[in-house]
Amino acid sequence: MNIKGISGLISLFISGLIFVSSCESEEALPAYQNPNQSDTSGNNIVVDLFVSASIDNIPVNYVNGVSAYSNWTLSEQEGFCTNDPNHFIQSHVTAFIIPERLEESIYVDIRGCVNNDSMTDINIIDSVLVVGPIPYYPKSKDNRTAIVKYIDQDSVLWSTAFGGNNSSFSRFELSAVVENNRDDFSEKIAFGKFDGYFYNGKGDSLKIKGGQFKGRIVQ
């Protein structure tokens, strides 16, 4: 499987962002503890990589190795940070796709501003993948931000970055990052949770509830 083959797809969908605001306000969710980090023996399970969520009240569940789905990863430099030519935007993506097909796929992108353009320096990578809440893009590119993208069955691209996601209901949390000791497809495995809204290019929205992911990250 050519993991790097996904880079063209992801780069295509990150550009051209527009921003609208969410007007719904709900109480902030409590801190999340991901229950899917290990099996009963305490060992990390790499084979159960997945992403799941309720999208507009429709359950979505993509599992690595099930129904032709694969979990791929991509790490890229996204250019310079805002108003700072001495720092670089580093992006790490975990994606659940059917190879050579765009429809019905989900991409989780965690990015941050770093002082070196090296994509192999583990200290720099760790400074981006810090466990805890991460604001949705578009926040300042100098801070860590998260983007979740969804391509539906009609090939429509929906993204958290196409809207404000400013309500207290909207949140993204990286709950754990562990070493991938089971295969050579990534350096690490990331766990997380997300709620909020997807938007398309027209400003229409889909509500995301109970999103969770466990996927390969750091190419």
C-alpha atoms as a PDB file:
ATOM      1  CA  MET A   1       0.000   0.000   0.000  1.00  0.00           C
ATOM      2  CA  ASN A   2       1.424   3.416  -0.968  1.00  0.00           C
ATOM      3  CA  ILE A   3       0.691   5.649   1.972  1.00  0.00           C
ATOM      4  CA  LYS A   4       2.213   8.680   0.329  1.00  0.00           C
ATOM      5  CA  GLY A   5      -0.351   8.425  -2.464  1.00  0.00           C
ATOM      6  CA  ILE A   6      -2.903  10.166  -0.287  1.00  0.00           C
ATOM      7  CA  SER A   7      -0.907  13.418  -0.201  1.00  0.00           C
ATOM      8  CA  GLY A   8      -2.386  14.785  -3.403  1.00  0.00           C
ATOM      9  CA  LEU A   9      -5.926  14.184  -2.205  1.00  0.00           C
ATOM     10  CA  ILE A  10      -5.452  15.837   1.154  1.00  0.00           C
ATOM     11  CA  SER A  11      -3.554  18.838  -0.220  1.00  0.00           C
ATOM     12  CA  LEU A  12      -6.404  19.445  -2.683  1.00  0.00           C
ATOM     13  CA  PHE A  13      -9.013  19.719   0.059  1.00  0.00           C
ATOM     14  CA  ILE A  14      -7.085  21.892   2.517  1.00  0.00           C
ATOM     15  CA  SER A  15      -7.074  24.956   0.238  1.00  0.00           C
ATOM     16  CA  GLY A  16      -9.872  27.449  -0.405  1.00  0.00           C
ATOM     17  CA  LEU A  17     -11.326  27.778   3.072  1.00  0.00           C
ATOM     18  CA  ILE A  18     -14.267  30.080   3.828  1.00  0.00           C
ATOM     19  CA  PHE A  19     -15.536  30.924   7.249  1.00  0.00           C
ATOM     20  CA  VAL A  20     -19.007  31.255   8.775  1.00  0.00           C
ATOM     21  CA  SER A  21     -20.098  31.208  12.390  1.00  0.00           C
ATOM     22  CA  SER A  22     -22.096  28.678  14.383  1.00  0.00           C
ATOM     23  CA  CYS A  23     -24.859  30.197  16.451  1.00  0.00           C
ATOM     24  CA  GLU A  24     -25.653  27.217  18.692  1.00  0.00           C
ATOM     25  CA  SER A  25     -24.411  27.408  22.261  1.00  0.00           C
ATOM     26  CA  GLU A  26     -24.360  24.464  24.629  1.00  0.00           C
ATOM     27  CA  GLU A  27     -22.514  23.634  27.804  1.00  0.00           C
ATOM     28  CA  ALA A  28     -18.913  22.566  27.333  1.00  0.00           C
ATOM     29  CA  LEU A  29     -18.373  18.810  27.397  1.00  0.00           C
ATOM     30  CA  PRO A  30     -16.349  17.249  30.229  1.00  0.00           C
ATOM     31  CA  ALA A  31     -12.783  16.054  29.737  1.00  0.00           C
ATOM     32  CA  TYR A  32     -12.655  12.888  27.648  1.00  0.00           C
ATOM     33  CA  GLN A  33     -10.904   9.623  28.528  1.00  0.00           C
ATOM     34  CA  ASN A  34     -10.706   7.338  25.492  1.00  0.00           C
ATOM     35  CA  PRO A  35     -11.652   3.740  26.494  1.00  0.00           C
ATOM     36  CA  ASN A  36     -10.233   2.195  23.319  1.00  0.00           C
ATOM     37  CA  GLN A  37      -6.520   2.508  24.006  1.00  0.00           C
ATOM     38  CA  SER A  38      -5.816  -1.126  24.909  1.00  0.00           C
ATOM     39  CA  ASP A  39      -7.270  -4.616  25.117  1.00  0.00           C
ATOM     40  CA  THR A  40      -7.894  -6.465  28.388  1.00  0.00           C
ATOM     41  CA  SER A  41      -4.221  -7.436  28.623  1.00  0.00           C
ATOM     42  CA  GLY A  42      -3.187  -3.782  28.529  1.00  0.00           C
ATOM     43  CA  ASN A  43      -1.532  -4.070  25.124  1.00  0.00           C
ATOM     44  CA  ASN A  44      -2.117  -1.463  22.440  1.00  0.00           C
ATOM     45  CA  ILE A  45      -4.369  -2.717  19.661  1.00  0.00           C
ATOM     46  CA  VAL A  46      -3.293  -1.415  16.277  1.00  0.00           C
ATOM     47  CA  VAL A  47      -5.662  -3.612  14.274  1.00  0.00           C
ATOM     48  CA  ASP A  48      -8.769  -1.851  15.650  1.00  0.00           C
ATOM     49  CA  LEU A  49      -7.983   1.512  14.063  1.00  0.00           C
ATOM     50  CA  PHE A  50     -11.242   3.353  13.435  1.00  0.00           C
ATOM     51  CA  VAL A  51     -13.130   6.610  13.176  1.00  0.00           C
ATOM     52  CA  SER A  52     -16.766   6.930  14.193  1.00  0.00           C
ATOM     53  CA  ALA A  53     -19.316   9.692  14.681  1.00  0.00           C
ATOM     54  CA  SER A  54     -22.946  10.639  14.330  1.00  0.00           C
ATOM     55  CA  ILE A  55     -23.108  13.025  11.374  1.00  0.00           C
ATOM     56  CA  ASP A  56     -26.442  14.776  11.107  1.00  0.00           C
ATOM     57  CA  ASN A  57     -27.901  11.941  13.232  1.00  0.00           C
ATOM     58  CA  ILE A  58     -26.549   9.265  10.873  1.00  0.00           C
ATOM     59  CA  PRO A  59     -23.970   6.903  12.425  1.00  0.00           C
ATOM     60  CA  VAL A  60     -20.696   6.651  10.525  1.00  0.00           C
ATOM     61  CA  ASN A  61     -18.078   4.024  11.386  1.00  0.00           C
ATOM     62  CA  TYR A  62     -15.007   3.322   9.269  1.00  0.00           C
ATOM     63  CA  VAL A  63     -12.679   0.557  10.495  1.00  0.00           C
ATOM     64  CA  ASN A  64      -9.236  -0.254   9.129  1.00  0.00           C
ATOM     65  CA  GLY A  65      -9.374  -3.524   7.203  1.00  0.00           C
ATOM     66  CA  VAL A  66     -13.183  -3.710   7.160  1.00  0.00           C
ATOM     67  CA  SER A  67     -15.279  -3.141   4.008  1.00  0.00           C
ATOM     68  CA  ALA A  68     -12.137  -2.197   2.033  1.00  0.00           C
ATOM     69  CA  TYR A  69     -11.249   0.708   4.353  1.00  0.00           C
ATOM     70  CA  SER A  70      -7.630   1.553   5.106  1.00  0.00           C
ATOM     71  CA  ASN A  71      -6.103   3.892   7.656  1.00  0.00           C
ATOM     72  CA  TRP A  72      -3.426   6.027   6.000  1.00  0.00           C
ATOM     73  CA  THR A  73      -1.253   8.829   7.325  1.00  0.00           C
ATOM     74  CA  LEU A  74       0.498  11.850   5.888  1.00  0.00           C
ATOM     75  CA  SER A  75       2.916  14.387   7.387  1.00  0.00           C
ATOM     76  CA  GLU A  76       3.601  17.623   5.525  1.00  0.00           C
ATOM     77  CA  GLN A  77       5.039  21.096   5.898  1.00  0.00           C
ATOM     78  CA  GLU A  78       2.298  23.615   5.102  1.00  0.00           C
ATOM     79  CA  GLY A  79       4.472  26.709   4.629  1.00  0.00           C
ATOM     80  CA  PHE A  80       5.344  29.544   6.978  1.00  0.00           C
ATOM     81  CA  CYS A  81       3.398  30.542  10.061  1.00  0.00           C
ATOM     82  CA  THR A  82       1.318  33.704  10.017  1.00  0.00           C
ATOM     83  CA  ASN A  83       3.542  36.803   9.963  1.00  0.00           C
ATOM     84  CA  ASP A  84       6.547  34.686  10.954  1.00  0.00           C
ATOM     85  CA  PRO A  85       8.910  33.558   8.177  1.00  0.00           C
ATOM     86  CA  ASN A  86      11.141  31.867  10.756  1.00  0.00           C
ATOM     87  CA  HIS A  87       8.558  29.283  11.817  1.00  0.00           C
ATOM     88  CA  PHE A  88       6.794  26.564   9.878  1.00  0.00           C
ATOM     89  CA  ILE A  89       3.350  24.941   9.908  1.00  0.00           C
ATOM     90  CA  GLN A  90       3.638  21.196  10.462  1.00  0.00           C
ATOM     91  CA  SER A  91       0.635  19.001   9.595  1.00  0.00           C
ATOM     92  CA  HIS A  92      -0.044  15.391  10.626  1.00  0.00           C
ATOM     93  CA  VAL A  93      -3.065  13.599   9.148  1.00  0.00           C
ATOM     94  CA  THR A  94      -4.761  10.291   9.902  1.00  0.00           C
ATOM     95  CA  ALA A  95      -7.278   9.285   7.230  1.00  0.00           C
ATOM     96  CA  PHE A  96      -9.838   6.534   6.761  1.00  0.00           C
ATOM     97  CA  ILE A  97     -10.453   5.894   3.079  1.00  0.00           C
ATOM     98  CA  ILE A  98     -11.145   3.281   0.459  1.00  0.00           C
ATOM     99  CA  PRO A  99      -8.060   3.512  -1.788  1.00  0.00           C
ATOM    100  CA  GLU A 100      -8.630   5.225  -5.160  1.00  0.00           C
ATOM    101  CA  ARG A 101     -12.033   6.438  -4.018  1.00  0.00           C
ATOM    102  CA  LEU A 102     -12.902   9.873  -2.619  1.00  0.00           C
ATOM    103  CA  GLU A 103     -16.447   9.220  -1.410  1.00  0.00           C
ATOM    104  CA  GLU A 104     -17.225   8.342   2.218  1.00  0.00           C
ATOM    105  CA  SER A 105     -13.882   9.159   3.762  1.00  0.00           C
ATOM    106  CA  ILE A 106     -12.717  11.097   6.821  1.00  0.00           C
ATOM    107  CA  TYR A 107      -9.470  12.983   7.430  1.00  0.00           C
ATOM    108  CA  VAL A 108      -8.227  14.243  10.812  1.00  0.00           C
ATOM    109  CA  ASP A 109      -5.490  16.889  10.531  1.00  0.00           C
ATOM    110  CA  ILE A 110      -3.525  18.133  13.564  1.00  0.00           C
ATOM    111  CA  ARG A 111      -1.138  20.993  12.900  1.00  0.00           C
ATOM    112  CA  GLY A 112       1.078  23.423  14.730  1.00  0.00           C
ATOM    113  CA  CYS A 113       3.683  26.148  14.298  1.00  0.00           C
ATOM    114  CA  VAL A 114       7.275  24.971  14.850  1.00  0.00           C
ATOM    115  CA  ASN A 115      10.714  26.562  14.701  1.00  0.00           C
ATOM    116  CA  ASN A 116      12.265  24.042  12.320  1.00  0.00           C
ATOM    117  CA  ASP A 117      11.073  22.612   9.009  1.00  0.00           C
ATOM    118  CA  SER A 118      12.355  19.114   9.819  1.00  0.00           C
ATOM    119  CA  MET A 119       9.643  16.448   9.454  1.00  0.00           C
ATOM    120  CA  THR A 120      11.748  13.838  11.255  1.00  0.00           C
ATOM    121  CA  ASP A 121      12.705  15.634  14.486  1.00  0.00           C
ATOM    122  CA  ILE A 122      10.678  13.788  17.123  1.00  0.00           C
ATOM    123  CA  ASN A 123      10.908  16.690  19.576  1.00  0.00           C
ATOM    124  CA  ILE A 124       9.258  18.993  17.054  1.00  0.00           C
ATOM    125  CA  ILE A 125       6.602  16.399  16.233  1.00  0.00           C
ATOM    126  CA  ASP A 126       5.862  15.907  19.937  1.00  0.00           C
ATOM    127  CA  SER A 127       5.428  19.672  20.341  1.00  0.00           C
ATOM    128  CA  VAL A 128       2.549  19.512  17.827  1.00  0.00           C
ATOM    129  CA  LEU A 129       0.930  16.298  19.080  1.00  0.00           C
ATOM    130  CA  VAL A 130       0.366  17.401  22.674  1.00  0.00           C
ATOM    131  CA  VAL A 131      -2.413  15.539  24.494  1.00  0.00           C
ATOM    132  CA  GLY A 132      -5.327  17.775  25.463  1.00  0.00           C
ATOM    133  CA  PRO A 133      -7.904  20.054  23.823  1.00  0.00           C
ATOM    134  CA  ILE A 134      -6.981  21.555  20.452  1.00  0.00           C
ATOM    135  CA  PRO A 135      -8.960  24.442  18.934  1.00  0.00           C
ATOM    136  CA  TYR A 136     -10.494  24.002  15.518  1.00  0.00           C
ATOM    137  CA  TYR A 137      -8.937  25.860  12.611  1.00  0.00           C
ATOM    138  CA  PRO A 138      -9.208  28.775  11.802  1.00  0.00           C
ATOM    139  CA  LYS A 139      -7.475  29.889  14.929  1.00  0.00           C
ATOM    140  CA  SER A 140      -4.074  31.540  14.730  1.00  0.00           C
ATOM    141  CA  LYS A 141      -1.705  29.367  12.710  1.00  0.00           C
ATOM    142  CA  ASP A 142       0.870  30.050  15.425  1.00  0.00           C
ATOM    143  CA  ASN A 143      -1.123  27.730  17.717  1.00  0.00           C
ATOM    144  CA  ARG A 144      -1.956  24.046  17.384  1.00  0.00           C
ATOM    145  CA  THR A 145      -5.190  23.581  15.479  1.00  0.00           C
ATOM    146  CA  ALA A 146      -7.295  20.679  14.228  1.00  0.00           C
ATOM    147  CA  ILE A 147      -9.276  20.141  11.028  1.00  0.00           C
ATOM    148  CA  VAL A 148     -11.696  17.258  10.399  1.00  0.00           C
ATOM    149  CA  LYS A 149     -12.832  16.713   6.801  1.00  0.00           C
ATOM    150  CA  TYR A 150     -15.580  14.431   5.514  1.00  0.00           C
ATOM    151  CA  ILE A 151     -16.403  13.514   1.913  1.00  0.00           C
ATOM    152  CA  ASP A 152     -19.948  12.182   1.672  1.00  0.00           C
ATOM    153  CA  GLN A 153     -21.406   9.593  -0.704  1.00  0.00           C
ATOM    154  CA  ASP A 154     -22.146  12.338  -3.246  1.00  0.00           C
ATOM    155  CA  SER A 155     -18.491  13.503  -3.301  1.00  0.00           C
ATOM    156  CA  VAL A 156     -19.334  16.716  -1.381  1.00  0.00           C
ATOM    157  CA  LEU A 157     -16.481  17.934   0.810  1.00  0.00           C
ATOM    158  CA  TRP A 158     -17.463  18.987   4.343  1.00  0.00           C
ATOM    159  CA  SER A 159     -14.931  20.447   6.763  1.00  0.00           C
ATOM    160  CA  THR A 160     -14.788  21.885  10.261  1.00  0.00           C
ATOM    161  CA  ALA A 161     -12.505  24.536   8.741  1.00  0.00           C
ATOM    162  CA  PHE A 162     -15.234  25.869   6.450  1.00  0.00           C
ATOM    163  CA  GLY A 163     -17.059  27.350   9.470  1.00  0.00           C
ATOM    164  CA  GLY A 164     -16.387  29.016  12.782  1.00  0.00           C
ATOM    165  CA  ASN A 165     -17.076  26.135  15.188  1.00  0.00           C
ATOM    166  CA  ASN A 166     -17.113  28.745  17.936  1.00  0.00           C
ATOM    167  CA  SER A 167     -19.872  27.319  20.139  1.00  0.00           C
ATOM    168  CA  SER A 168     -19.078  25.563  23.405  1.00  0.00           C
ATOM    169  CA  PHE A 169     -20.436  22.356  21.852  1.00  0.00           C
ATOM    170  CA  SER A 170     -17.640  22.332  19.279  1.00  0.00           C
ATOM    171  CA  ARG A 171     -14.412  20.789  20.481  1.00  0.00           C
ATOM    172  CA  PHE A 172     -11.542  18.557  19.483  1.00  0.00           C
ATOM    173  CA  GLU A 173      -9.389  16.650  21.930  1.00  0.00           C
ATOM    174  CA  LEU A 174      -6.268  14.553  21.457  1.00  0.00           C
ATOM    175  CA  SER A 175      -6.566  12.007  24.256  1.00  0.00           C
ATOM    176  CA  ALA A 176      -3.422   9.901  23.752  1.00  0.00           C
ATOM    177  CA  VAL A 177      -0.453   9.389  21.443  1.00  0.00           C
ATOM    178  CA  VAL A 178       1.457   6.092  21.651  1.00  0.00           C
ATOM    179  CA  GLU A 179       4.263   4.453  19.690  1.00  0.00           C
ATOM    180  CA  ASN A 180       3.188   2.227  16.806  1.00  0.00           C
ATOM    181  CA  ASN A 181       5.022  -1.000  17.578  1.00  0.00           C
ATOM    182  CA  ARG A 182       2.852  -3.241  15.392  1.00  0.00           C
ATOM    183  CA  ASP A 183       3.524  -2.167  11.791  1.00  0.00           C
ATOM    184  CA  ASP A 184       5.690   0.098   9.631  1.00  0.00           C
ATOM    185  CA  PHE A 185       2.907   2.347   8.319  1.00  0.00           C
ATOM    186  CA  SER A 186       3.405   5.105  10.906  1.00  0.00           C
ATOM    187  CA  GLU A 187       5.540   6.203  13.821  1.00  0.00           C
ATOM    188  CA  LYS A 188       2.653   6.667  16.246  1.00  0.00           C
ATOM    189  CA  ILE A 189      -0.999   5.931  16.980  1.00  0.00           C
ATOM    190  CA  ALA A 190      -3.275   8.833  17.973  1.00  0.00           C
ATOM    191  CA  PHE A 191      -6.554   8.690  19.899  1.00  0.00           C
ATOM    192  CA  GLY A 192      -9.057  11.487  20.066  1.00  0.00           C
ATOM    193  CA  LYS A 193     -12.614  12.795  20.269  1.00  0.00           C
ATOM    194  CA  PHE A 194     -14.429  15.526  18.381  1.00  0.00           C
ATOM    195  CA  ASP A 195     -17.807  17.259  18.279  1.00  0.00           C
ATOM    196  CA  GLY A 196     -18.944  20.261  16.296  1.00  0.00           C
ATOM    197  CA  TYR A 197     -20.057  21.082  12.776  1.00  0.00           C
ATOM    198  CA  PHE A 198     -19.041  20.257   9.236  1.00  0.00           C
ATOM    199  CA  TYR A 199     -19.673  22.926   6.604  1.00  0.00           C
ATOM    200  CA  ASN A 200     -19.656  22.731   2.823  1.00  0.00           C
ATOM    201  CA  GLY A 201     -18.602  25.484   0.462  1.00  0.00           C
ATOM    202  CA  LYS A 202     -22.132  26.908   0.435  1.00  0.00           C
ATOM    203  CA  GLY A 203     -22.298  27.336   4.210  1.00  0.00           C
ATOM    204  CA  ASP A 204     -24.638  24.408   4.853  1.00  0.00           C
ATOM    205  CA  SER A 205     -23.815  22.528   8.050  1.00  0.00           C
ATOM    206  CA  LEU A 206     -23.916  19.010   9.487  1.00  0.00           C
ATOM    207  CA  LYS A 207     -23.760  18.427  13.235  1.00  0.00           C
ATOM    208  CA  ILE A 208     -21.063  16.029  14.470  1.00  0.00           C
ATOM    209  CA  LYS A 209     -21.752  14.222  17.740  1.00  0.00           C
ATOM    210  CA  GLY A 210     -19.649  11.674  19.610  1.00  0.00           C
ATOM    211  CA  GLY A 211     -16.772  11.592  17.135  1.00  0.00           C
ATOM    212  CA  GLN A 212     -13.889   9.301  18.093  1.00  0.00           C
ATOM    213  CA  PHE A 213     -10.800   8.136  16.260  1.00  0.00           C
ATOM    214  CA  LYS A 214      -7.834   5.850  16.729  1.00  0.00           C
ATOM    215  CA  GLY A 215      -5.456   6.059  13.805  1.00  0.00           C
ATOM    216  CA  ARG A 216      -1.922   5.945  12.535  1.00  0.00           C
ATOM    217  CA  ILE A 217      -0.163   9.304  12.636  1.00  0.00           C
ATOM    218  CA  VAL A 218       3.335  10.672  11.879  1.00  0.00           C
ATOM    219  CA  GLN A 219       4.555   9.331   8.574  1.00  0.00           C
END
